[in-house]
């Protein structure tokens, strides 16, 4: 798996995200549900990344993402 990355939004919230799979493949975006993290997809991402470039991210206030101020 690739490393965790971060982007800071206009309001200063830091959002954690991760890419898996070949960048030339079609993009598939997976978001976590309330009370979970992007790691909820760990078991599926191996197979999915064979066919897609997978983007997973943590909602604000979940996992590696910060809470909005």
Foldseek 3Di string as FASTA:
>chain_A
DDDWDWDADPQGKIKIKDKAADPVAAEDEDEDDPPAFQCVCVVPCVVVRVHHTYMYIYDAPYDPIHHGD
